[in-house]
Protein backbone atom coordinates (compact mmCIF):
# COMPACT_ATOMS: atom_id res chain seq x y z
CA MET A 1 1.80 3.07 9.95
CA THR A 2 1.21 -0.61 11.11
CA VAL A 3 3.82 -2.51 13.27
CA VAL A 4 3.51 -6.23 12.65
CA SER A 5 5.94 -8.17 15.05
CA MET A 6 6.25 -11.68 14.18
CA ILE A 7 7.67 -14.58 16.87
CA GLY A 8 8.75 -18.16 16.14
CA SER A 9 8.87 -20.08 12.88
CA PHE A 10 7.80 -18.32 9.50
CA ASP A 11 7.15 -21.37 7.20
CA ARG A 12 4.31 -22.28 5.12
CA PRO A 13 1.70 -22.96 7.64
CA ALA A 14 2.40 -19.77 9.50
CA VAL A 15 2.37 -17.79 6.21
CA GLY A 16 -1.41 -19.12 5.88
CA GLN A 17 -2.10 -17.64 9.29
CA VAL A 18 0.08 -14.36 8.61
CA TYR A 19 -1.29 -13.59 5.17
CA PRO A 20 -4.51 -12.05 6.11
CA VAL A 21 -3.14 -10.09 8.88
CA LEU A 22 -0.46 -8.70 6.21
CA VAL A 23 -3.50 -8.11 3.60
CA GLN A 24 -5.56 -6.22 6.43
CA ALA A 25 -2.39 -4.05 7.27
CA LEU A 26 -1.83 -3.24 3.83
CA VAL A 27 -4.97 -2.27 2.74
CA ALA A 28 -5.79 -0.25 5.90
CA ARG A 29 -4.19 3.08 4.72
CA LEU A 30 -3.14 4.33 1.34
CA PRO A 31 -0.46 4.65 0.71
CA PRO A 32 0.42 1.60 2.81
CA TYR A 33 3.42 1.68 5.13
CA LEU A 34 4.17 -1.24 7.08
CA VAL A 35 6.92 -2.05 9.43
CA LEU A 36 7.59 -6.08 10.04
CA ASP A 37 9.75 -6.70 13.15
CA LEU A 38 11.35 -9.99 12.23
CA ARG A 39 14.16 -10.01 15.03
CA ARG A 40 12.03 -12.79 17.04
CA LEU A 41 11.78 -15.27 14.09
CA THR A 42 13.43 -18.58 14.72
CA GLU A 43 13.35 -19.58 11.27
CA LEU A 44 12.45 -17.84 7.86
CA THR A 45 11.99 -20.27 4.99
CA LEU A 46 11.51 -19.33 1.19
CA CYS A 47 7.61 -19.28 1.46
CA GLY A 48 7.69 -16.62 4.16
CA CYS A 49 10.46 -14.72 2.25
CA LEU A 50 8.23 -14.90 -0.74
CA MET A 51 5.27 -13.76 0.91
CA LEU A 52 7.22 -10.72 2.38
CA LEU A 53 8.34 -9.95 -0.97
CA LEU A 54 4.58 -9.99 -2.24
CA ALA A 55 3.54 -7.48 0.51
CA GLU A 56 6.39 -5.23 -0.63
CA ARG A 57 5.48 -5.23 -4.20
CA HIS A 58 1.73 -4.41 -3.02
CA ALA A 59 3.25 -1.68 -0.94
CA LYS A 60 5.28 0.10 -3.87
CA GLU A 61 2.32 -0.19 -6.40
CA ALA A 62 0.26 1.60 -3.95
CA SER A 63 3.18 4.27 -3.40
CA GLY A 64 3.88 2.89 0.10
CA ARG A 65 6.56 0.84 1.67
CA VAL A 66 7.53 -2.07 3.88
CA ILE A 67 10.46 -2.09 6.15
CA ALA A 68 11.99 -5.32 7.74
CA VAL A 69 13.60 -4.88 11.12
CA CYS A 70 16.29 -7.74 11.30
CA ASP A 71 19.69 -8.50 10.73
CA LYS A 72 21.00 -8.62 7.21
CA GLU A 73 21.78 -12.20 7.30
CA ARG A 74 18.12 -13.06 8.25
CA LEU A 75 16.58 -11.99 4.86
CA ALA A 76 19.40 -13.09 2.39
CA TRP A 77 16.54 -14.50 0.10
CA ALA A 78 14.80 -11.16 -0.19
CA PRO A 79 17.76 -8.53 -0.57
CA ALA A 80 15.50 -6.21 -2.29
CA LEU A 81 13.50 -5.66 1.02
CA ALA A 82 14.09 -2.16 2.87
CA ARG A 83 15.66 -3.04 6.28
CA ALA A 84 16.31 -0.87 9.62
CA ALA A 85 17.88 -1.77 12.64
CA THR A 86 15.30 -0.63 14.93
CA ILE A 87 11.46 -0.11 14.90
CA GLU A 88 12.32 3.72 15.45
CA GLN A 89 14.49 3.96 12.66
CA ALA A 90 11.77 2.44 10.29
CA LEU A 91 8.91 4.61 11.65
CA ALA A 92 11.12 7.64 11.47
CA GLU A 93 11.79 6.85 7.77
CA LEU A 94 7.98 6.05 6.89
CA ALA A 95 6.99 9.24 8.62
CA ALA A 96 9.35 11.10 6.36
CA ARG A 97 8.29 9.21 3.52
CA ASP A 98 4.48 9.93 4.16
CA ARG A 99 5.06 13.69 4.71
CA ASP A 100 6.65 13.89 1.20
CA TYR A 101 4.02 12.08 -0.03
CA ARG A 102 1.43 14.36 1.43
CA LEU A 103 3.13 17.28 0.19
CA SER A 104 3.59 16.28 -3.24
CA ALA A 105 -0.20 15.49 -3.31
CA LEU A 106 -0.88 18.82 -2.14
CA HIS A 107 1.15 20.30 -4.86
CA ARG A 108 -0.36 18.46 -7.63
CA ARG A 109 -3.78 19.84 -6.15
CA LYS A 110 -2.60 23.62 -6.08
CA ASP A 111 -0.84 23.04 -9.69
CA ARG A 112 -4.33 21.83 -10.91
CA ALA A 113 -6.70 24.58 -9.37
CA ALA A 114 -3.98 27.11 -10.53
CA SER A 115 -3.87 25.96 -14.33
CA GLY A 116 -7.83 26.59 -14.14
CA ALA A 117 -8.54 22.69 -14.86
CA LYS A 118 -12.07 22.46 -15.44
CA PRO A 119 -13.79 19.25 -13.66
CA GLY A 120 -14.60 16.73 -16.28
CA THR A 121 -11.22 17.35 -18.18
CA THR A 122 -8.04 15.47 -18.40
CA THR A 123 -4.90 16.71 -16.65
CA GLY A 124 -1.67 15.05 -16.78
CA GLY A 125 -3.46 11.66 -17.35
CA ILE A 126 -5.83 12.41 -14.46
CA THR A 127 -9.67 12.64 -15.01
CA LEU A 128 -11.07 15.15 -12.72
CA PRO A 129 -14.61 14.49 -11.58
CA ARG A 130 -17.45 16.11 -13.19
CA GLY A 131 -19.52 16.88 -10.33
CA PRO A 132 -22.90 14.73 -9.60
CA ARG A 133 -23.68 12.16 -11.84
CA ALA A 134 -26.95 11.79 -13.55
CA TRP A 135 -27.99 8.12 -14.39
CA PRO A 136 -29.87 7.32 -17.20
CA SER A 137 -33.82 6.68 -16.87
CA ALA A 138 -34.51 2.87 -17.14
CA PRO A 139 -35.75 2.13 -20.68
CA ARG A 140 -39.51 2.08 -20.86
CA PRO A 141 -41.11 -1.19 -22.22
CA PRO A 142 -42.76 -0.51 -25.97
CA GLU A 143 -46.58 0.51 -25.75
CA GLN A 144 -48.91 -2.27 -27.15
CA GLU A 145 -51.20 -0.99 -30.00
CA PRO A 146 -54.86 -2.30 -29.20
């Protein structure tokens, strides 16, 4: 889990500086779990809210979560973004979610193994690996006749 604390004004110029940090935090872990501490922001513009919503959308698509630590009025433009009152509450929620995610992944693996699925078959929409892949040899040039 990653905690990003933002200070000052989160307007259009700041979005350009914060964007690479958020991208790095979102791709550093699968599924991405990110806590955004927004309590020390002096200004949050629509541009900043849109970037937070994009980060949250990316996290959800990757089975992750973004939680903002702030008061309710601060994110009036982003009502869908999950909130927590403290960083500790946000981390506890993400830890529980991560535990559930890992347990469900473990159960899926056990179910595949118990069903006797062979590698290279499709199980529930997931194609299992076939083992080492043999790459075809490069085509040979045609032989020239004398």
